[in-house]
Amino acid sequence: PAEARAAVDPPAGRVPGGGRAGGGLLDPRQLLRSLPD
C-alpha cells in the first residue's frame, strides 16, 4: 500500500518522459544539430 500512497504529483520541473529530445521528425533545429555529424 505504501507504493500506492507514493503516487503523487510529478516533482517540480519534471515531466513524464523527462530528458528526451523533443521536436518533430523534421524539426529544422534537429536537422541543424545533426548536420555537423
PDB file of all heavy atoms in Angstrom:
ATOM      1  N   PRO A   1       0.802  -1.206   0.000  1.00  0.00           N
ATOM      2  CA  PRO A   1       0.000   0.000   0.000  1.00  0.00           C
ATOM      3  C   PRO A   1       0.838   1.260   0.000  1.00  0.00           C
ATOM      4  O   PRO A   1       0.411   2.285  -0.492  1.00  0.00           O
ATOM      5  CB  PRO A   1      -0.811  -0.134   1.302  1.00  0.00           C
ATOM      6  CG  PRO A   1      -0.811  -1.593   1.613  1.00  0.00           C
ATOM      7  CD  PRO A   1       0.487  -2.109   1.114  1.00  0.00           C
ATOM      8  N   ALA A   2       2.052   1.172   0.548  1.00  0.00           N
ATOM      9  CA  ALA A   2       2.885   2.371   0.588  1.00  0.00           C
ATOM     10  C   ALA A   2       3.176   2.900  -0.802  1.00  0.00           C
ATOM     11  O   ALA A   2       3.258   4.100  -1.024  1.00  0.00           O
ATOM     12  CB  ALA A   2       4.193   2.069   1.320  1.00  0.00           C
ATOM     13  N   GLU A   3       3.321   1.982  -1.752  1.00  0.00           N
ATOM     14  CA  GLU A   3       3.612   2.426  -3.108  1.00  0.00           C
ATOM     15  C   GLU A   3       2.424   3.150  -3.724  1.00  0.00           C
ATOM     16  O   GLU A   3       2.587   4.118  -4.450  1.00  0.00           O
ATOM     17  CB  GLU A   3       4.018   1.244  -3.972  1.00  0.00           C
ATOM     18  CG  GLU A   3       4.420   1.670  -5.380  1.00  0.00           C
ATOM     19  CD  GLU A   3       5.136   0.589  -6.118  1.00  0.00           C
ATOM     20  OE1 GLU A   3       5.379  -0.469  -5.526  1.00  0.00           O
ATOM     21  OE2 GLU A   3       5.469   0.808  -7.296  1.00  0.00           O
ATOM     22  N   ALA A   4       1.237   2.671  -3.430  1.00  0.00           N
ATOM     23  CA  ALA A   4       0.048   3.346  -3.950  1.00  0.00           C
ATOM     24  C   ALA A   4      -0.047   4.759  -3.378  1.00  0.00           C
ATOM     25  O   ALA A   4      -0.405   5.708  -4.064  1.00  0.00           O
ATOM     26  CB  ALA A   4      -1.203   2.553  -3.594  1.00  0.00           C
ATOM     27  N   ARG A   5       0.324   4.903  -2.090  1.00  0.00           N
ATOM     28  CA  ARG A   5       0.268   6.233  -1.480  1.00  0.00           C
ATOM     29  C   ARG A   5       1.350   7.134  -2.040  1.00  0.00           C
ATOM     30  O   ARG A   5       1.259   8.350  -1.959  1.00  0.00           O
ATOM     31  CB  ARG A   5       0.441   6.108   0.036  1.00  0.00           C
ATOM     32  CG  ARG A   5      -0.725   5.424   0.730  1.00  0.00           C
ATOM     33  CD  ARG A   5      -0.651   5.631   2.230  1.00  0.00           C
ATOM     34  NE  ARG A   5       0.558   5.071   2.821  1.00  0.00           N
ATOM     35  CZ  ARG A   5       0.631   3.809   3.271  1.00  0.00           C
ATOM     36  NH1 ARG A   5      -0.419   3.009   3.172  1.00  0.00           N
ATOM     37  NH2 ARG A   5       1.751   3.354   3.801  1.00  0.00           N
ATOM     38  N   ALA A   6       2.398   6.505  -2.626  1.00  0.00           N
ATOM     39  CA  ALA A   6       3.504   7.304  -3.134  1.00  0.00           C
ATOM     40  C   ALA A   6       3.224   7.906  -4.501  1.00  0.00           C
ATOM     41  O   ALA A   6       4.034   8.640  -5.033  1.00  0.00           O
ATOM     42  CB  ALA A   6       4.770   6.456  -3.213  1.00  0.00           C
ATOM     43  N   ALA A   7       2.093   7.570  -5.112  1.00  0.00           N
ATOM     44  CA  ALA A   7       1.760   8.103  -6.436  1.00  0.00           C
ATOM     45  C   ALA A   7       1.315   9.546  -6.301  1.00  0.00           C
ATOM     46  O   ALA A   7       0.141   9.866  -6.240  1.00  0.00           O
ATOM     47  CB  ALA A   7       0.660   7.262  -7.085  1.00  0.00           C
ATOM     48  N   VAL A   8       2.263  10.442  -6.237  1.00  0.00           N
ATOM     49  CA  VAL A   8       1.984  11.851  -6.001  1.00  0.00           C
ATOM     50  C   VAL A   8       2.179  12.613  -7.287  1.00  0.00           C
ATOM     51  O   VAL A   8       2.509  12.064  -8.329  1.00  0.00           O
ATOM     52  CB  VAL A   8       2.920  12.399  -4.904  1.00  0.00           C
ATOM     53  CG1 VAL A   8       2.619  11.740  -3.579  1.00  0.00           C
ATOM     54  CG2 VAL A   8       4.374  12.207  -5.285  1.00  0.00           C
ATOM     55  N   ASP A   9       2.013  13.951  -7.230  1.00  0.00           N
ATOM     56  CA  ASP A   9       2.205  14.776  -8.406  1.00  0.00           C
ATOM     57  C   ASP A   9       3.666  14.742  -8.834  1.00  0.00           C
ATOM     58  O   ASP A   9       4.566  14.540  -8.026  1.00  0.00           O
ATOM     59  CB  ASP A   9       1.804  16.224  -8.103  1.00  0.00           C
ATOM     60  CG  ASP A   9       0.299  16.334  -7.854  1.00  0.00           C
ATOM     61  OD1 ASP A   9      -0.428  15.479  -8.401  1.00  0.00           O
ATOM     62  OD2 ASP A   9      -0.119  17.238  -7.127  1.00  0.00           O
ATOM     63  N   PRO A  10       3.939  14.976 -10.108  1.00  0.00           N
ATOM     64  CA  PRO A  10       5.323  14.965 -10.568  1.00  0.00           C
ATOM     65  C   PRO A  10       6.137  16.024  -9.855  1.00  0.00           C
ATOM     66  O   PRO A  10       5.628  17.092  -9.517  1.00  0.00           O
ATOM     67  CB  PRO A  10       5.197  15.296 -12.073  1.00  0.00           C
ATOM     68  CG  PRO A  10       3.797  14.950 -12.424  1.00  0.00           C
ATOM     69  CD  PRO A  10       2.984  15.204 -11.184  1.00  0.00           C
ATOM     70  N   PRO A  11       7.415  15.761  -9.588  1.00  0.00           N
ATOM     71  CA  PRO A  11       8.268  16.756  -8.984  1.00  0.00           C
ATOM     72  C   PRO A  11       8.363  17.987  -9.856  1.00  0.00           C
ATOM     73  O   PRO A  11       8.213  17.922 -11.071  1.00  0.00           O
ATOM     74  CB  PRO A  11       9.633  16.039  -8.894  1.00  0.00           C
ATOM     75  CG  PRO A  11       9.315  14.586  -9.007  1.00  0.00           C
ATOM     76  CD  PRO A  11       8.087  14.495  -9.837  1.00  0.00           C
ATOM     77  N   ALA A  12       8.632  19.106  -9.215  1.00  0.00           N
ATOM     78  CA  ALA A  12       8.715  20.357  -9.954  1.00  0.00           C
ATOM     79  C   ALA A  12       9.785  20.273 -11.028  1.00  0.00           C
ATOM     80  O   ALA A  12      10.881  19.794 -10.813  1.00  0.00           O
ATOM     81  CB  ALA A  12       9.048  21.498  -8.981  1.00  0.00           C
ATOM     82  N   GLY A  13       9.437  20.797 -12.187  1.00  0.00           N
ATOM     83  CA  GLY A  13      10.399  20.812 -13.271  1.00  0.00           C
ATOM     84  C   GLY A  13      10.552  19.502 -14.008  1.00  0.00           C
ATOM     85  O   GLY A  13      11.374  19.377 -14.901  1.00  0.00           O
ATOM     86  N   ARG A  14       9.777  18.496 -13.645  1.00  0.00           N
ATOM     87  CA  ARG A  14       9.913  17.178 -14.277  1.00  0.00           C
ATOM     88  C   ARG A  14       8.636  16.862 -15.027  1.00  0.00           C
ATOM     89  O   ARG A  14       7.541  17.096 -14.550  1.00  0.00           O
ATOM     90  CB  ARG A  14      10.148  16.119 -13.203  1.00  0.00           C
ATOM     91  CG  ARG A  14      10.266  14.726 -13.730  1.00  0.00           C
ATOM     92  CD  ARG A  14      11.580  14.479 -14.401  1.00  0.00           C
ATOM     93  NE  ARG A  14      12.670  14.583 -13.439  1.00  0.00           N
ATOM     94  CZ  ARG A  14      13.940  14.518 -13.775  1.00  0.00           C
ATOM     95  NH1 ARG A  14      14.272  14.386 -15.036  1.00  0.00           N
ATOM     96  NH2 ARG A  14      14.880  14.617 -12.861  1.00  0.00           N
ATOM     97  N   VAL A  15       8.756  16.343 -16.188  1.00  0.00           N
ATOM     98  CA  VAL A  15       7.584  15.929 -16.954  1.00  0.00           C
ATOM     99  C   VAL A  15       7.764  14.480 -17.334  1.00  0.00           C
ATOM    100  O   VAL A  15       8.880  13.985 -17.457  1.00  0.00           O
ATOM    101  CB  VAL A  15       7.403  16.789 -18.223  1.00  0.00           C
ATOM    102  CG1 VAL A  15       7.114  18.216 -17.878  1.00  0.00           C
ATOM    103  CG2 VAL A  15       8.635  16.700 -19.116  1.00  0.00           C
ATOM    104  N   PRO A  16       6.642  13.755 -17.513  1.00  0.00           N
ATOM    105  CA  PRO A  16       6.780  12.369 -17.942  1.00  0.00           C
ATOM    106  C   PRO A  16       7.581  12.285 -19.224  1.00  0.00           C
ATOM    107  O   PRO A  16       7.422  13.079 -20.134  1.00  0.00           O
ATOM    108  CB  PRO A  16       5.322  11.931 -18.157  1.00  0.00           C
ATOM    109  CG  PRO A  16       4.540  12.823 -17.259  1.00  0.00           C
ATOM    110  CD  PRO A  16       5.262  14.134 -17.261  1.00  0.00           C
ATOM    111  N   GLY A  17       8.420  11.264 -19.269  1.00  0.00           N
ATOM    112  CA  GLY A  17       9.307  11.137 -20.423  1.00  0.00           C
ATOM    113  C   GLY A  17      10.469  12.084 -20.356  1.00  0.00           C
ATOM    114  O   GLY A  17      11.099  12.403 -21.342  1.00  0.00           O
ATOM    115  N   GLY A  18      10.755  12.603 -19.124  1.00  0.00           N
ATOM    116  CA  GLY A  18      11.735  13.647 -18.953  1.00  0.00           C
ATOM    117  C   GLY A  18      13.075  13.330 -19.572  1.00  0.00           C
ATOM    118  O   GLY A  18      13.575  12.245 -19.567  1.00  0.00           O
ATOM    119  N   GLY A  19      13.683  14.394 -20.100  1.00  0.00           N
ATOM    120  CA  GLY A  19      15.030  14.260 -20.596  1.00  0.00           C
ATOM    121  C   GLY A  19      15.153  13.899 -22.053  1.00  0.00           C
ATOM    122  O   GLY A  19      16.222  13.950 -22.615  1.00  0.00           O
ATOM    123  N   ARG A  20      14.070  13.559 -22.699  1.00  0.00           N
ATOM    124  CA  ARG A  20      14.177  13.128 -24.087  1.00  0.00           C
ATOM    125  C   ARG A  20      14.113  14.337 -25.010  1.00  0.00           C
ATOM    126  O   ARG A  20      13.406  15.302 -24.758  1.00  0.00           O
ATOM    127  CB  ARG A  20      13.072  12.132 -24.440  1.00  0.00           C
ATOM    128  CG  ARG A  20      13.279  10.809 -23.734  1.00  0.00           C
ATOM    129  CD  ARG A  20      12.435   9.724 -24.391  1.00  0.00           C
ATOM    130  NE  ARG A  20      12.689   8.471 -23.731  1.00  0.00           N
ATOM    131  CZ  ARG A  20      12.043   8.075 -22.653  1.00  0.00           C
ATOM    132  NH1 ARG A  20      11.109   8.812 -22.132  1.00  0.00           N
ATOM    133  NH2 ARG A  20      12.327   6.924 -22.079  1.00  0.00           N
ATOM    134  N   ALA A  21      14.823  14.211 -26.064  1.00  0.00           N
ATOM    135  CA  ALA A  21      14.829  15.275 -27.039  1.00  0.00           C
ATOM    136  C   ALA A  21      13.467  15.414 -27.658  1.00  0.00           C
ATOM    137  O   ALA A  21      12.816  14.485 -28.037  1.00  0.00           O
ATOM    138  CB  ALA A  21      15.882  14.991 -28.113  1.00  0.00           C
ATOM    139  N   GLY A  22      12.997  16.649 -27.732  1.00  0.00           N
ATOM    140  CA  GLY A  22      11.688  16.864 -28.320  1.00  0.00           C
ATOM    141  C   GLY A  22      11.801  17.220 -29.778  1.00  0.00           C
ATOM    142  O   GLY A  22      12.801  17.070 -30.435  1.00  0.00           O
ATOM    143  N   GLY A  23      10.724  17.798 -30.295  1.00  0.00           N
ATOM    144  CA  GLY A  23      10.744  18.186 -31.686  1.00  0.00           C
ATOM    145  C   GLY A  23      10.197  17.132 -32.585  1.00  0.00           C
ATOM    146  O   GLY A  23      10.233  15.961 -32.327  1.00  0.00           O
ATOM    147  N   GLY A  24       9.638  17.574 -33.710  1.00  0.00           N
ATOM    148  CA  GLY A  24       9.099  16.629 -34.664  1.00  0.00           C
ATOM    149  C   GLY A  24      10.191  15.917 -35.426  1.00  0.00           C
ATOM    150  O   GLY A  24      11.379  16.166 -35.284  1.00  0.00           O
ATOM    151  N   LEU A  25       9.761  15.005 -36.292  1.00  0.00           N
ATOM    152  CA  LEU A  25      10.722  14.197 -37.033  1.00  0.00           C
ATOM    153  C   LEU A  25      11.518  15.035 -38.015  1.00  0.00           C
ATOM    154  O   LEU A  25      12.636  14.708 -38.356  1.00  0.00           O
ATOM    155  CB  LEU A  25       9.986  13.072 -37.759  1.00  0.00           C
ATOM    156  CG  LEU A  25       9.373  12.011 -36.853  1.00  0.00           C
ATOM    157  CD1 LEU A  25       8.564  11.045 -37.697  1.00  0.00           C
ATOM    158  CD2 LEU A  25      10.429  11.268 -36.080  1.00  0.00           C
ATOM    159  N   LEU A  26      10.950  16.136 -38.486  1.00  0.00           N
ATOM    160  CA  LEU A  26      11.673  17.029 -39.386  1.00  0.00           C
ATOM    161  C   LEU A  26      11.794  18.413 -38.772  1.00  0.00           C
ATOM    162  O   LEU A  26      11.703  19.421 -39.454  1.00  0.00           O
ATOM    163  CB  LEU A  26      10.961  17.090 -40.746  1.00  0.00           C
ATOM    164  CG  LEU A  26      11.209  15.891 -41.659  1.00  0.00           C
ATOM    165  CD1 LEU A  26      10.440  16.048 -42.962  1.00  0.00           C
ATOM    166  CD2 LEU A  26      12.676  15.707 -41.945  1.00  0.00           C
ATOM    167  N   ASP A  27      11.984  18.467 -37.470  1.00  0.00           N
ATOM    168  CA  ASP A  27      12.216  19.721 -36.779  1.00  0.00           C
ATOM    169  C   ASP A  27      13.492  20.345 -37.345  1.00  0.00           C
ATOM    170  O   ASP A  27      14.571  19.740 -37.282  1.00  0.00           O
ATOM    171  CB  ASP A  27      12.376  19.441 -35.280  1.00  0.00           C
ATOM    172  CG  ASP A  27      12.531  20.717 -34.471  1.00  0.00           C
ATOM    173  OD1 ASP A  27      12.708  21.783 -35.099  1.00  0.00           O
ATOM    174  OD2 ASP A  27      12.488  20.637 -33.235  1.00  0.00           O
ATOM    175  N   PRO A  28      13.414  21.562 -37.917  1.00  0.00           N
ATOM    176  CA  PRO A  28      14.619  22.169 -38.507  1.00  0.00           C
ATOM    177  C   PRO A  28      15.769  22.267 -37.521  1.00  0.00           C
ATOM    178  O   PRO A  28      16.928  22.104 -37.894  1.00  0.00           O
ATOM    179  CB  PRO A  28      14.119  23.557 -38.939  1.00  0.00           C
ATOM    180  CG  PRO A  28      12.641  23.389 -39.139  1.00  0.00           C
ATOM    181  CD  PRO A  28      12.218  22.383 -38.116  1.00  0.00           C
ATOM    182  N   ARG A  29      15.463  22.527 -36.242  1.00  0.00           N
ATOM    183  CA  ARG A  29      16.535  22.621 -35.246  1.00  0.00           C
ATOM    184  C   ARG A  29      17.231  21.268 -35.085  1.00  0.00           C
ATOM    185  O   ARG A  29      18.444  21.212 -34.896  1.00  0.00           O
ATOM    186  CB  ARG A  29      15.967  23.089 -33.911  1.00  0.00           C
ATOM    187  CG  ARG A  29      15.470  24.530 -33.934  1.00  0.00           C
ATOM    188  CD  ARG A  29      14.737  24.872 -32.655  1.00  0.00           C
ATOM    189  NE  ARG A  29      13.562  24.029 -32.492  1.00  0.00           N
ATOM    190  CZ  ARG A  29      12.740  24.092 -31.449  1.00  0.00           C
ATOM    191  NH1 ARG A  29      12.984  24.945 -30.469  1.00  0.00           N
ATOM    192  NH2 ARG A  29      11.679  23.305 -31.377  1.00  0.00           N
ATOM    193  N   GLN A  30      16.461  20.205 -35.139  1.00  0.00           N
ATOM    194  CA  GLN A  30      17.054  18.877 -35.021  1.00  0.00           C
ATOM    195  C   GLN A  30      17.943  18.569 -36.222  1.00  0.00           C
ATOM    196  O   GLN A  30      19.023  17.982 -36.088  1.00  0.00           O
ATOM    197  CB  GLN A  30      15.943  17.835 -34.903  1.00  0.00           C
ATOM    198  CG  GLN A  30      16.428  16.449 -34.520  1.00  0.00           C
ATOM    199  CD  GLN A  30      15.277  15.498 -34.276  1.00  0.00           C
ATOM    200  OE1 GLN A  30      14.113  15.876 -34.397  1.00  0.00           O
ATOM    201  NE2 GLN A  30      15.590  14.271 -33.937  1.00  0.00           N
ATOM    202  N   LEU A  31      17.509  18.980 -37.420  1.00  0.00           N
ATOM    203  CA  LEU A  31      18.323  18.779 -38.610  1.00  0.00           C
ATOM    204  C   LEU A  31      19.622  19.568 -38.525  1.00  0.00           C
ATOM    205  O   LEU A  31      20.692  19.077 -38.876  1.00  0.00           O
ATOM    206  CB  LEU A  31      17.537  19.189 -39.855  1.00  0.00           C
ATOM    207  CG  LEU A  31      16.347  18.302 -40.237  1.00  0.00           C
ATOM    208  CD1 LEU A  31      15.590  18.908 -41.405  1.00  0.00           C
ATOM    209  CD2 LEU A  31      16.818  16.900 -40.592  1.00  0.00           C
ATOM    210  N   LEU A  32      19.529  20.805 -38.022  1.00  0.00           N
ATOM    211  CA  LEU A  32      20.732  21.634 -37.895  1.00  0.00           C
ATOM    212  C   LEU A  32      21.694  21.056 -36.870  1.00  0.00           C
ATOM    213  O   LEU A  32      22.911  21.071 -37.065  1.00  0.00           O
ATOM    214  CB  LEU A  32      20.338  23.072 -37.511  1.00  0.00           C
ATOM    215  CG  LEU A  32      19.634  23.897 -38.606  1.00  0.00           C
ATOM    216  CD1 LEU A  32      19.192  25.245 -38.060  1.00  0.00           C
ATOM    217  CD2 LEU A  32      20.577  24.091 -39.795  1.00  0.00           C
ATOM    218  N   ARG A  33      21.148  20.525 -35.749  1.00  0.00           N
ATOM    219  CA  ARG A  33      22.017  19.930 -34.733  1.00  0.00           C
ATOM    220  C   ARG A  33      22.718  18.685 -35.268  1.00  0.00           C
ATOM    221  O   ARG A  33      23.834  18.366 -34.852  1.00  0.00           O
ATOM    222  CB  ARG A  33      21.196  19.558 -33.493  1.00  0.00           C
ATOM    223  CG  ARG A  33      20.790  20.739 -32.630  1.00  0.00           C
ATOM    224  CD  ARG A  33      20.277  20.252 -31.281  1.00  0.00           C
ATOM    225  NE  ARG A  33      19.111  19.399 -31.416  1.00  0.00           N
ATOM    226  CZ  ARG A  33      17.857  19.833 -31.345  1.00  0.00           C
ATOM    227  NH1 ARG A  33      17.622  21.124 -31.157  1.00  0.00           N
ATOM    228  NH2 ARG A  33      16.839  19.011 -31.465  1.00  0.00           N
ATOM    229  N   SER A  34      22.056  17.981 -36.187  1.00  0.00           N
ATOM    230  CA  SER A  34      22.630  16.743 -36.715  1.00  0.00           C
ATOM    231  C   SER A  34      23.547  16.981 -37.904  1.00  0.00           C
ATOM    232  O   SER A  34      24.292  16.066 -38.298  1.00  0.00           O
ATOM    233  CB  SER A  34      21.504  15.786 -37.131  1.00  0.00           C
ATOM    234  OG  SER A  34      20.643  15.503 -36.045  1.00  0.00           O
ATOM    235  N   LEU A  35      23.511  18.193 -38.472  1.00  0.00           N
ATOM    236  CA  LEU A  35      24.294  18.469 -39.676  1.00  0.00           C
ATOM    237  C   LEU A  35      25.803  18.284 -39.469  1.00  0.00           C
ATOM    238  O   LEU A  35      26.470  17.675 -40.326  1.00  0.00           O
ATOM    239  CB  LEU A  35      23.986  19.880 -40.180  1.00  0.00           C
ATOM    240  CG  LEU A  35      24.577  20.246 -41.543  1.00  0.00           C
ATOM    241  CD1 LEU A  35      24.100  19.264 -42.610  1.00  0.00           C
ATOM    242  CD2 LEU A  35      24.195  21.678 -41.921  1.00  0.00           C
ATOM    243  N   PRO A  36      26.399  18.761 -38.358  1.00  0.00           N
ATOM    244  CA  PRO A  36      27.851  18.518 -38.173  1.00  0.00           C
ATOM    245  C   PRO A  36      28.199  17.034 -38.156  1.00  0.00           C
ATOM    246  O   PRO A  36      29.227  16.631 -38.729  1.00  0.00           O
ATOM    247  CB  PRO A  36      28.141  19.187 -36.816  1.00  0.00           C
ATOM    248  CG  PRO A  36      27.076  20.226 -36.666  1.00  0.00           C
ATOM    249  CD  PRO A  36      25.853  19.635 -37.303  1.00  0.00           C
ATOM    250  N   ASP A  37      27.355  16.212 -37.507  1.00  0.00           N
ATOM    251  CA  ASP A  37      27.611  14.768 -37.500  1.00  0.00           C
ATOM    252  C   ASP A  37      27.518  14.197 -38.909  1.00  0.00           C
ATOM    253  O   ASP A  37      28.298  13.309 -39.286  1.00  0.00           O
ATOM    254  CB  ASP A  37      26.611  14.056 -36.588  1.00  0.00           C
ATOM    255  CG  ASP A  37      26.885  14.298 -35.120  1.00  0.00           C
ATOM    256  OD1 ASP A  37      28.048  14.608 -34.791  1.00  0.00           O
ATOM    257  OD2 ASP A  37      25.947  14.196 -34.308  1.00  0.00           O
TER     258      ASP A  37
END
